[in-house]
């Protein structure tokens, strides 16, 4: 890959992992990347729960209809937002800030030659409720997504979904 942004095309959703642990150093690097994301008025509403225990990951996976592979990942990270610190206490700003953090984390995972899959939680009320209860989250903390991260057991080709039909100049 010769283009400087081709590393972005390398990021793909991975749902099958080798039974190899993710190191503390790798997790810290991933979290540092996430917390390097832009945030409205630098409020940084993101909060993270690290899952290493297989039983806990299995339980969380049960809350996510398409997340059964979470229990096979080297680590899970629940990305939450703190609505009390989000800009203007706005859920929209909180979601934007945390989504930027998630994308940074996914790119860091790829750069570390790991694989990941973003599992949606919010706005599914049952998923939010189950994770809040299981993780004993305070009222102001909202689980938004779970990242399954590990050593990939597959290597999908880099790609883009660029479509010129989605682009408009100046006006629609």
N, C-alpha and C. Protein backbone atom coordinates (compact mmCIF):
# COMPACT_ATOMS: atom_id res chain seq x y z
N UNK A 1 0.84 -1.18 0.00
CA UNK A 1 0.00 0.00 0.00
C UNK A 1 0.89 1.24 0.00
N UNK A 2 0.75 2.05 -1.01
CA UNK A 2 1.63 3.20 -1.14
C UNK A 2 0.99 4.50 -0.66
N UNK A 3 -0.32 4.58 -0.66
CA UNK A 3 -1.02 5.78 -0.25
C UNK A 3 -0.95 5.91 1.28
N UNK A 4 -0.70 7.12 1.77
CA UNK A 4 -0.54 7.32 3.21
C UNK A 4 -1.79 7.00 4.03
N UNK A 5 -2.96 6.97 3.43
CA UNK A 5 -4.16 6.65 4.20
C UNK A 5 -4.66 5.23 3.95
N UNK A 6 -3.89 4.43 3.25
CA UNK A 6 -4.31 3.06 2.99
C UNK A 6 -4.46 2.24 4.27
N UNK A 7 -3.79 2.66 5.35
CA UNK A 7 -3.95 1.92 6.61
C UNK A 7 -5.40 1.95 7.08
N UNK A 8 -6.14 2.97 6.68
CA UNK A 8 -7.55 3.05 7.06
C UNK A 8 -8.35 1.95 6.37
N UNK A 9 -8.00 1.66 5.13
CA UNK A 9 -8.70 0.62 4.37
C UNK A 9 -8.41 -0.77 4.93
N UNK A 10 -7.31 -0.89 5.68
CA UNK A 10 -6.94 -2.17 6.30
C UNK A 10 -7.88 -2.52 7.47
N UNK A 11 -8.53 -1.51 8.05
CA UNK A 11 -9.41 -1.76 9.19
C UNK A 11 -10.67 -2.46 8.70
N UNK A 12 -10.87 -3.65 9.19
CA UNK A 12 -12.04 -4.45 8.82
C UNK A 12 -12.62 -5.06 10.09
N UNK A 13 -13.90 -5.39 10.07
CA UNK A 13 -14.52 -6.04 11.22
C UNK A 13 -14.08 -7.49 11.28
N UNK A 14 -13.53 -7.88 12.42
CA UNK A 14 -13.03 -9.24 12.63
C UNK A 14 -13.92 -9.90 13.67
N UNK A 15 -14.40 -11.09 13.33
CA UNK A 15 -15.31 -11.81 14.22
C UNK A 15 -14.78 -13.19 14.63
N UNK A 16 -13.55 -13.46 14.27
CA UNK A 16 -12.94 -14.74 14.64
C UNK A 16 -11.52 -14.46 15.10
N UNK A 17 -11.22 -14.96 16.31
CA UNK A 17 -9.95 -14.63 16.95
C UNK A 17 -9.16 -15.88 17.31
N UNK A 18 -7.84 -15.73 17.31
CA UNK A 18 -6.97 -16.79 17.82
C UNK A 18 -6.95 -16.70 19.34
N UNK A 19 -6.65 -17.81 19.99
CA UNK A 19 -6.63 -17.86 21.45
C UNK A 19 -5.28 -17.32 21.96
N UNK A 20 -5.07 -16.03 21.73
CA UNK A 20 -3.84 -15.36 22.14
C UNK A 20 -4.25 -14.10 22.91
N UNK A 21 -3.68 -13.88 24.09
CA UNK A 21 -4.10 -12.71 24.87
C UNK A 21 -3.66 -11.39 24.23
N UNK A 22 -4.38 -10.34 24.56
CA UNK A 22 -4.03 -8.97 24.20
C UNK A 22 -3.30 -8.40 25.41
N UNK A 23 -2.13 -7.81 25.19
CA UNK A 23 -1.30 -7.35 26.31
C UNK A 23 -1.84 -6.06 26.92
N UNK A 24 -1.44 -5.82 28.16
CA UNK A 24 -1.81 -4.57 28.83
C UNK A 24 -1.29 -3.37 28.04
N UNK A 25 -0.10 -3.49 27.49
CA UNK A 25 0.49 -2.39 26.71
C UNK A 25 -0.35 -2.11 25.46
N UNK A 26 -0.82 -3.16 24.80
CA UNK A 26 -1.67 -2.97 23.63
C UNK A 26 -2.99 -2.31 24.02
N UNK A 27 -3.57 -2.74 25.13
CA UNK A 27 -4.83 -2.15 25.59
C UNK A 27 -4.62 -0.67 25.91
N UNK A 28 -3.52 -0.34 26.58
CA UNK A 28 -3.24 1.06 26.90
C UNK A 28 -3.08 1.87 25.63
N UNK A 29 -2.39 1.34 24.64
CA UNK A 29 -2.22 2.05 23.36
C UNK A 29 -3.56 2.30 22.68
N UNK A 30 -4.43 1.31 22.73
CA UNK A 30 -5.76 1.43 22.12
C UNK A 30 -6.56 2.51 22.85
N UNK A 31 -6.52 2.50 24.18
CA UNK A 31 -7.25 3.50 24.96
C UNK A 31 -6.67 4.90 24.77
N UNK A 32 -5.35 5.01 24.66
CA UNK A 32 -4.73 6.31 24.39
C UNK A 32 -5.20 6.85 23.04
N UNK A 33 -5.29 5.97 22.05
CA UNK A 33 -5.78 6.41 20.74
C UNK A 33 -7.22 6.89 20.86
N UNK A 34 -8.04 6.13 21.59
CA UNK A 34 -9.43 6.54 21.77
C UNK A 34 -9.54 7.90 22.43
N UNK A 35 -8.74 8.12 23.46
CA UNK A 35 -8.81 9.37 24.19
C UNK A 35 -8.07 10.51 23.49
N UNK A 36 -7.55 10.25 22.30
CA UNK A 36 -6.96 11.30 21.47
C UNK A 36 -7.99 11.86 20.49
N UNK A 37 -9.19 11.35 20.54
CA UNK A 37 -10.24 11.78 19.62
C UNK A 37 -10.68 13.21 19.94
N UNK A 38 -11.25 13.88 18.95
CA UNK A 38 -11.84 15.20 19.23
C UNK A 38 -13.07 15.04 20.11
N UNK A 39 -13.35 16.08 20.85
CA UNK A 39 -14.51 16.08 21.76
C UNK A 39 -15.06 17.49 21.85
N UNK A 40 -16.37 17.63 21.75
CA UNK A 40 -17.00 18.95 21.82
C UNK A 40 -16.61 19.65 23.11
N UNK A 41 -16.02 20.81 22.99
CA UNK A 41 -15.57 21.64 24.11
C UNK A 41 -14.62 20.86 25.03
N UNK A 42 -13.92 19.88 24.47
CA UNK A 42 -12.95 19.06 25.22
C UNK A 42 -13.54 18.49 26.50
N UNK A 43 -14.78 18.03 26.44
CA UNK A 43 -15.45 17.47 27.62
C UNK A 43 -15.05 16.02 27.87
N UNK A 44 -14.60 15.31 26.84
CA UNK A 44 -14.14 13.92 26.97
C UNK A 44 -15.12 13.06 27.79
N UNK A 45 -16.32 12.85 27.28
CA UNK A 45 -17.31 12.10 28.06
C UNK A 45 -17.13 10.59 28.02
N UNK A 46 -16.12 10.11 27.31
CA UNK A 46 -15.94 8.67 27.17
C UNK A 46 -15.45 8.04 28.47
N UNK A 47 -15.93 6.85 28.71
CA UNK A 47 -15.52 6.02 29.85
C UNK A 47 -15.42 4.59 29.32
N UNK A 48 -14.56 3.77 29.91
CA UNK A 48 -14.29 2.44 29.37
C UNK A 48 -14.30 1.38 30.46
N UNK A 49 -14.82 0.23 30.14
CA UNK A 49 -14.78 -0.93 31.03
C UNK A 49 -14.03 -2.03 30.26
N UNK A 50 -12.95 -2.52 30.85
CA UNK A 50 -12.14 -3.57 30.23
C UNK A 50 -12.67 -4.92 30.70
N UNK A 51 -12.92 -5.79 29.74
CA UNK A 51 -13.40 -7.15 30.03
C UNK A 51 -12.31 -8.14 29.65
N UNK A 52 -11.84 -8.89 30.62
CA UNK A 52 -10.88 -9.96 30.36
C UNK A 52 -11.42 -11.33 30.76
N UNK A 53 -12.30 -11.32 31.74
CA UNK A 53 -12.87 -12.56 32.26
C UNK A 53 -13.81 -13.16 31.21
N UNK A 54 -13.54 -14.40 30.83
CA UNK A 54 -14.33 -15.07 29.79
C UNK A 54 -15.80 -15.17 30.18
N UNK A 55 -16.08 -15.46 31.44
CA UNK A 55 -17.49 -15.57 31.87
C UNK A 55 -18.21 -14.23 31.73
N UNK A 56 -17.52 -13.14 32.09
CA UNK A 56 -18.13 -11.81 31.93
C UNK A 56 -18.37 -11.50 30.46
N UNK A 57 -17.40 -11.86 29.60
CA UNK A 57 -17.58 -11.61 28.17
C UNK A 57 -18.72 -12.46 27.61
N UNK A 58 -18.87 -13.68 28.09
CA UNK A 58 -19.98 -14.53 27.65
C UNK A 58 -21.31 -13.91 28.05
N UNK A 59 -21.39 -13.38 29.26
CA UNK A 59 -22.62 -12.76 29.72
C UNK A 59 -22.96 -11.54 28.87
N UNK A 60 -21.97 -10.67 28.65
CA UNK A 60 -22.21 -9.49 27.82
C UNK A 60 -22.62 -9.92 26.41
N UNK A 61 -21.97 -10.96 25.87
CA UNK A 61 -22.30 -11.46 24.53
C UNK A 61 -23.76 -11.90 24.44
N UNK A 62 -24.29 -12.43 25.53
CA UNK A 62 -25.70 -12.85 25.54
C UNK A 62 -26.65 -11.67 25.36
N UNK A 63 -26.21 -10.46 25.71
CA UNK A 63 -27.03 -9.27 25.57
C UNK A 63 -27.00 -8.73 24.13
N UNK A 64 -26.07 -9.22 23.33
CA UNK A 64 -25.84 -8.69 21.98
C UNK A 64 -26.14 -9.77 20.95
N UNK A 65 -27.26 -9.69 20.25
CA UNK A 65 -27.68 -10.75 19.34
C UNK A 65 -26.63 -11.20 18.33
N UNK A 66 -25.77 -10.30 17.90
CA UNK A 66 -24.75 -10.66 16.92
C UNK A 66 -23.35 -10.68 17.53
N UNK A 67 -23.27 -10.79 18.84
CA UNK A 67 -21.98 -10.67 19.51
C UNK A 67 -21.44 -11.93 20.15
N UNK A 68 -21.91 -13.10 19.73
CA UNK A 68 -21.46 -14.34 20.36
C UNK A 68 -19.97 -14.53 20.36
N UNK A 69 -19.29 -13.98 19.36
CA UNK A 69 -17.84 -14.14 19.24
C UNK A 69 -17.06 -13.33 20.28
N UNK A 70 -17.75 -12.43 21.00
CA UNK A 70 -17.07 -11.62 22.03
C UNK A 70 -16.34 -12.51 23.02
N UNK A 71 -16.94 -13.62 23.39
CA UNK A 71 -16.33 -14.49 24.40
C UNK A 71 -15.05 -15.17 23.89
N UNK A 72 -14.80 -15.13 22.59
CA UNK A 72 -13.57 -15.69 22.02
C UNK A 72 -12.48 -14.63 21.83
N UNK A 73 -12.81 -13.37 22.06
CA UNK A 73 -11.86 -12.27 21.88
C UNK A 73 -10.83 -12.26 23.01
N UNK A 74 -9.69 -11.67 22.73
CA UNK A 74 -8.66 -11.54 23.77
C UNK A 74 -9.05 -10.56 24.85
N UNK A 75 -9.83 -9.55 24.47
CA UNK A 75 -10.30 -8.54 25.42
C UNK A 75 -11.57 -7.91 24.85
N UNK A 76 -12.43 -7.47 25.73
CA UNK A 76 -13.59 -6.68 25.34
C UNK A 76 -13.49 -5.33 26.01
N UNK A 77 -13.92 -4.31 25.30
CA UNK A 77 -13.95 -2.97 25.89
C UNK A 77 -15.36 -2.42 25.70
N UNK A 78 -16.00 -2.13 26.82
CA UNK A 78 -17.31 -1.48 26.76
C UNK A 78 -17.05 0.03 26.75
N UNK A 79 -17.53 0.68 25.71
CA UNK A 79 -17.39 2.13 25.60
C UNK A 79 -18.68 2.75 26.10
N UNK A 80 -18.53 3.60 27.11
CA UNK A 80 -19.67 4.26 27.73
C UNK A 80 -19.50 5.77 27.59
N UNK A 81 -20.61 6.48 27.76
CA UNK A 81 -20.58 7.93 27.79
C UNK A 81 -21.13 8.43 29.10
N UNK A 82 -20.53 9.50 29.59
CA UNK A 82 -21.01 10.15 30.82
C UNK A 82 -21.83 11.36 30.41
N UNK A 83 -23.14 11.23 30.47
CA UNK A 83 -24.03 12.29 30.03
C UNK A 83 -23.88 13.55 30.88
N UNK A 84 -23.43 13.40 32.12
CA UNK A 84 -23.27 14.56 33.00
C UNK A 84 -22.11 15.45 32.60
N UNK A 85 -21.13 14.92 31.87
CA UNK A 85 -19.99 15.75 31.46
C UNK A 85 -20.01 16.08 29.98
N UNK A 86 -20.89 15.46 29.21
CA UNK A 86 -20.98 15.76 27.78
C UNK A 86 -21.35 17.23 27.59
N UNK A 87 -20.88 17.82 26.51
CA UNK A 87 -21.18 19.23 26.21
C UNK A 87 -22.69 19.46 26.26
N UNK A 88 -23.10 20.41 27.05
CA UNK A 88 -24.51 20.76 27.24
C UNK A 88 -25.35 19.57 27.72
N UNK A 89 -24.71 18.58 28.31
CA UNK A 89 -25.39 17.35 28.74
C UNK A 89 -26.20 16.75 27.59
N UNK A 90 -25.67 16.92 26.39
CA UNK A 90 -26.37 16.49 25.19
C UNK A 90 -25.98 15.08 24.79
N UNK A 91 -26.98 14.23 24.60
CA UNK A 91 -26.70 12.86 24.16
C UNK A 91 -26.09 12.87 22.77
N UNK A 92 -26.48 13.80 21.93
CA UNK A 92 -25.94 13.88 20.58
C UNK A 92 -24.44 14.16 20.61
N UNK A 93 -24.02 15.15 21.40
CA UNK A 93 -22.58 15.43 21.51
C UNK A 93 -21.84 14.23 22.11
N UNK A 94 -22.44 13.62 23.13
CA UNK A 94 -21.80 12.46 23.76
C UNK A 94 -21.61 11.34 22.75
N UNK A 95 -22.64 11.06 21.94
CA UNK A 95 -22.55 10.01 20.93
C UNK A 95 -21.49 10.32 19.89
N UNK A 96 -21.42 11.57 19.46
CA UNK A 96 -20.41 11.96 18.48
C UNK A 96 -19.00 11.81 19.05
N UNK A 97 -18.81 12.30 20.27
CA UNK A 97 -17.49 12.21 20.90
C UNK A 97 -17.05 10.76 21.08
N UNK A 98 -17.95 9.94 21.59
CA UNK A 98 -17.60 8.53 21.85
C UNK A 98 -17.42 7.75 20.55
N UNK A 99 -18.17 8.11 19.51
CA UNK A 99 -17.99 7.45 18.23
C UNK A 99 -16.63 7.79 17.62
N UNK A 100 -16.20 9.03 17.80
CA UNK A 100 -14.86 9.41 17.33
C UNK A 100 -13.79 8.61 18.09
N UNK A 101 -14.00 8.44 19.38
CA UNK A 101 -13.06 7.65 20.18
C UNK A 101 -13.03 6.20 19.71
N UNK A 102 -14.21 5.64 19.43
CA UNK A 102 -14.29 4.26 18.97
C UNK A 102 -13.54 4.09 17.65
N UNK A 103 -13.75 4.99 16.71
CA UNK A 103 -13.06 4.86 15.43
C UNK A 103 -11.55 4.96 15.61
N UNK A 104 -11.08 5.88 16.45
CA UNK A 104 -9.64 5.95 16.74
C UNK A 104 -9.14 4.62 17.31
N UNK A 105 -9.94 4.03 18.20
CA UNK A 105 -9.55 2.76 18.81
C UNK A 105 -9.47 1.66 17.76
N UNK A 106 -10.44 1.62 16.86
CA UNK A 106 -10.44 0.60 15.81
C UNK A 106 -9.24 0.75 14.88
N UNK A 107 -8.87 1.99 14.58
CA UNK A 107 -7.69 2.21 13.74
C UNK A 107 -6.41 1.81 14.49
N UNK A 108 -6.36 2.08 15.79
CA UNK A 108 -5.20 1.67 16.60
C UNK A 108 -5.10 0.15 16.64
N UNK A 109 -6.23 -0.52 16.80
CA UNK A 109 -6.25 -1.99 16.80
C UNK A 109 -5.62 -2.51 15.51
N UNK A 110 -6.03 -1.95 14.40
CA UNK A 110 -5.51 -2.37 13.10
C UNK A 110 -4.01 -2.08 13.00
N UNK A 111 -3.58 -0.92 13.47
CA UNK A 111 -2.16 -0.56 13.43
C UNK A 111 -1.31 -1.50 14.28
N UNK A 112 -1.92 -2.07 15.32
CA UNK A 112 -1.22 -3.01 16.20
C UNK A 112 -1.30 -4.44 15.69
N UNK A 113 -1.81 -4.61 14.46
CA UNK A 113 -1.99 -5.93 13.84
C UNK A 113 -2.93 -6.83 14.65
N UNK A 114 -3.89 -6.20 15.31
CA UNK A 114 -4.95 -6.91 15.99
C UNK A 114 -6.21 -6.77 15.14
N UNK A 115 -7.28 -7.39 15.57
CA UNK A 115 -8.56 -7.26 14.89
C UNK A 115 -9.63 -6.89 15.89
N UNK A 116 -10.70 -6.30 15.40
CA UNK A 116 -11.79 -5.88 16.29
C UNK A 116 -13.10 -5.83 15.54
N UNK A 117 -14.17 -5.86 16.32
CA UNK A 117 -15.51 -5.65 15.78
C UNK A 117 -16.27 -4.75 16.75
N UNK A 118 -16.92 -3.75 16.19
CA UNK A 118 -17.73 -2.79 16.93
C UNK A 118 -19.13 -3.37 17.06
N UNK A 119 -19.55 -3.62 18.29
CA UNK A 119 -20.88 -4.16 18.57
C UNK A 119 -21.75 -3.05 19.18
N UNK A 120 -22.84 -2.73 18.51
CA UNK A 120 -23.69 -1.64 18.96
C UNK A 120 -24.51 -2.01 20.19
N UNK A 121 -24.61 -1.07 21.09
CA UNK A 121 -25.44 -1.22 22.29
C UNK A 121 -26.55 -0.16 22.26
N UNK A 122 -26.17 1.11 22.35
CA UNK A 122 -27.11 2.22 22.29
C UNK A 122 -27.57 2.39 20.85
N UNK A 123 -28.83 2.60 20.57
CA UNK A 123 -29.94 2.98 21.43
C UNK A 123 -30.85 1.82 21.83
N UNK A 124 -30.41 0.59 21.67
CA UNK A 124 -31.25 -0.57 22.01
C UNK A 124 -31.47 -0.62 23.52
N UNK A 125 -32.69 -0.29 23.96
CA UNK A 125 -32.97 -0.15 25.39
C UNK A 125 -32.68 -1.42 26.18
N UNK A 126 -32.96 -2.59 25.61
CA UNK A 126 -32.70 -3.83 26.35
C UNK A 126 -31.21 -4.04 26.55
N UNK A 127 -30.42 -3.74 25.53
CA UNK A 127 -28.96 -3.89 25.64
C UNK A 127 -28.39 -2.91 26.66
N UNK A 128 -28.84 -1.67 26.58
CA UNK A 128 -28.38 -0.65 27.53
C UNK A 128 -28.72 -1.08 28.95
N UNK A 129 -29.96 -1.48 29.17
CA UNK A 129 -30.42 -1.87 30.51
C UNK A 129 -29.64 -3.05 31.05
N UNK A 130 -29.47 -4.09 30.22
CA UNK A 130 -28.77 -5.30 30.68
C UNK A 130 -27.31 -5.02 31.03
N UNK A 131 -26.63 -4.23 30.21
CA UNK A 131 -25.22 -3.93 30.49
C UNK A 131 -25.12 -3.01 31.70
N UNK A 132 -26.02 -2.03 31.80
CA UNK A 132 -25.99 -1.15 32.98
C UNK A 132 -26.15 -1.96 34.26
N UNK A 133 -27.10 -2.90 34.26
CA UNK A 133 -27.32 -3.72 35.45
C UNK A 133 -26.14 -4.63 35.72
N UNK A 134 -25.66 -5.33 34.71
CA UNK A 134 -24.58 -6.29 34.91
C UNK A 134 -23.30 -5.62 35.38
N UNK A 135 -23.02 -4.44 34.85
CA UNK A 135 -21.77 -3.74 35.19
C UNK A 135 -21.92 -2.73 36.33
N UNK A 136 -23.11 -2.68 36.94
CA UNK A 136 -23.36 -1.75 38.06
C UNK A 136 -23.03 -0.31 37.69
N UNK A 137 -23.49 0.13 36.51
CA UNK A 137 -23.19 1.48 36.05
C UNK A 137 -24.04 2.51 36.77
N UNK A 138 -23.43 3.64 37.13
CA UNK A 138 -24.23 4.74 37.69
C UNK A 138 -25.24 5.24 36.66
N UNK A 139 -26.25 5.94 37.10
CA UNK A 139 -27.33 6.43 36.23
C UNK A 139 -26.80 7.28 35.07
N UNK A 140 -25.76 8.09 35.31
CA UNK A 140 -25.26 9.01 34.29
C UNK A 140 -24.36 8.35 33.25
N UNK A 141 -24.01 7.09 33.45
CA UNK A 141 -23.12 6.38 32.52
C UNK A 141 -23.96 5.51 31.60
N UNK A 142 -23.80 5.74 30.28
CA UNK A 142 -24.61 5.03 29.29
C UNK A 142 -23.69 4.16 28.43
N UNK A 143 -23.90 2.85 28.42
CA UNK A 143 -23.09 2.00 27.54
C UNK A 143 -23.52 2.22 26.08
N UNK A 144 -22.53 2.44 25.23
CA UNK A 144 -22.81 2.77 23.83
C UNK A 144 -22.43 1.66 22.87
N UNK A 145 -21.33 0.97 23.18
CA UNK A 145 -20.83 -0.06 22.28
C UNK A 145 -19.89 -0.98 23.04
N UNK A 146 -19.66 -2.13 22.45
CA UNK A 146 -18.67 -3.06 22.97
C UNK A 146 -17.72 -3.37 21.81
N UNK A 147 -16.42 -3.32 22.09
CA UNK A 147 -15.43 -3.70 21.09
C UNK A 147 -14.86 -5.06 21.47
N UNK A 148 -14.98 -6.01 20.56
CA UNK A 148 -14.32 -7.31 20.71
C UNK A 148 -12.97 -7.17 20.02
N UNK A 149 -11.89 -7.42 20.75
CA UNK A 149 -10.54 -7.20 20.23
C UNK A 149 -9.69 -8.43 20.47
N UNK A 150 -8.90 -8.80 19.48
CA UNK A 150 -8.01 -9.93 19.65
C UNK A 150 -7.10 -10.11 18.44
N UNK A 151 -6.35 -11.18 18.49
CA UNK A 151 -5.49 -11.54 17.37
C UNK A 151 -6.40 -12.18 16.32
N UNK A 152 -6.46 -11.59 15.12
CA UNK A 152 -7.41 -12.09 14.12
C UNK A 152 -7.07 -13.48 13.62
N UNK A 153 -8.11 -14.25 13.38
CA UNK A 153 -7.96 -15.58 12.79
C UNK A 153 -8.44 -15.54 11.33
N UNK A 154 -8.42 -14.33 10.77
CA UNK A 154 -8.80 -14.11 9.38
C UNK A 154 -8.11 -12.83 8.93
N UNK A 155 -7.86 -12.71 7.66
CA UNK A 155 -7.20 -11.52 7.12
C UNK A 155 -7.94 -11.01 5.89
N UNK A 156 -9.07 -10.35 6.10
CA UNK A 156 -9.79 -9.83 4.95
C UNK A 156 -8.95 -8.79 4.20
N UNK A 157 -9.16 -8.72 2.92
CA UNK A 157 -8.43 -7.76 2.10
C UNK A 157 -8.82 -6.32 2.47
N UNK A 158 -7.87 -5.39 2.40
CA UNK A 158 -8.24 -3.99 2.59
C UNK A 158 -9.27 -3.57 1.55
N UNK A 159 -10.11 -2.61 1.92
CA UNK A 159 -11.13 -2.16 0.99
C UNK A 159 -11.63 -0.76 1.36
N UNK A 160 -12.34 -0.20 0.43
CA UNK A 160 -13.08 1.03 0.67
C UNK A 160 -14.49 0.82 0.13
N UNK A 161 -15.41 1.57 0.67
CA UNK A 161 -16.78 1.53 0.14
C UNK A 161 -17.10 2.88 -0.50
N UNK A 162 -16.07 3.51 -1.05
CA UNK A 162 -16.22 4.80 -1.72
C UNK A 162 -17.26 4.68 -2.82
N UNK A 163 -18.17 5.66 -2.84
CA UNK A 163 -19.20 5.68 -3.88
C UNK A 163 -19.41 7.14 -4.29
N UNK A 164 -19.00 7.48 -5.50
CA UNK A 164 -19.10 8.86 -5.96
C UNK A 164 -20.54 9.36 -6.01
N UNK A 165 -21.52 8.45 -6.07
CA UNK A 165 -22.92 8.85 -6.09
C UNK A 165 -23.38 9.46 -4.76
N UNK A 166 -22.60 9.28 -3.72
CA UNK A 166 -22.96 9.83 -2.41
C UNK A 166 -22.40 11.25 -2.21
N UNK A 167 -21.73 11.78 -3.19
CA UNK A 167 -21.05 13.06 -3.06
C UNK A 167 -21.76 14.13 -3.86
N UNK A 168 -21.98 15.29 -3.24
CA UNK A 168 -22.62 16.42 -3.91
C UNK A 168 -21.72 17.63 -3.75
N UNK A 169 -21.72 18.49 -4.74
CA UNK A 169 -20.86 19.68 -4.71
C UNK A 169 -21.69 20.92 -4.43
N UNK A 170 -21.35 21.61 -3.38
CA UNK A 170 -21.95 22.87 -2.99
C UNK A 170 -23.41 22.73 -2.52
N UNK A 171 -24.27 22.11 -3.30
CA UNK A 171 -25.67 21.90 -2.94
C UNK A 171 -26.08 20.51 -3.35
N UNK A 172 -27.22 20.02 -2.84
CA UNK A 172 -27.68 18.68 -3.18
C UNK A 172 -27.92 18.58 -4.66
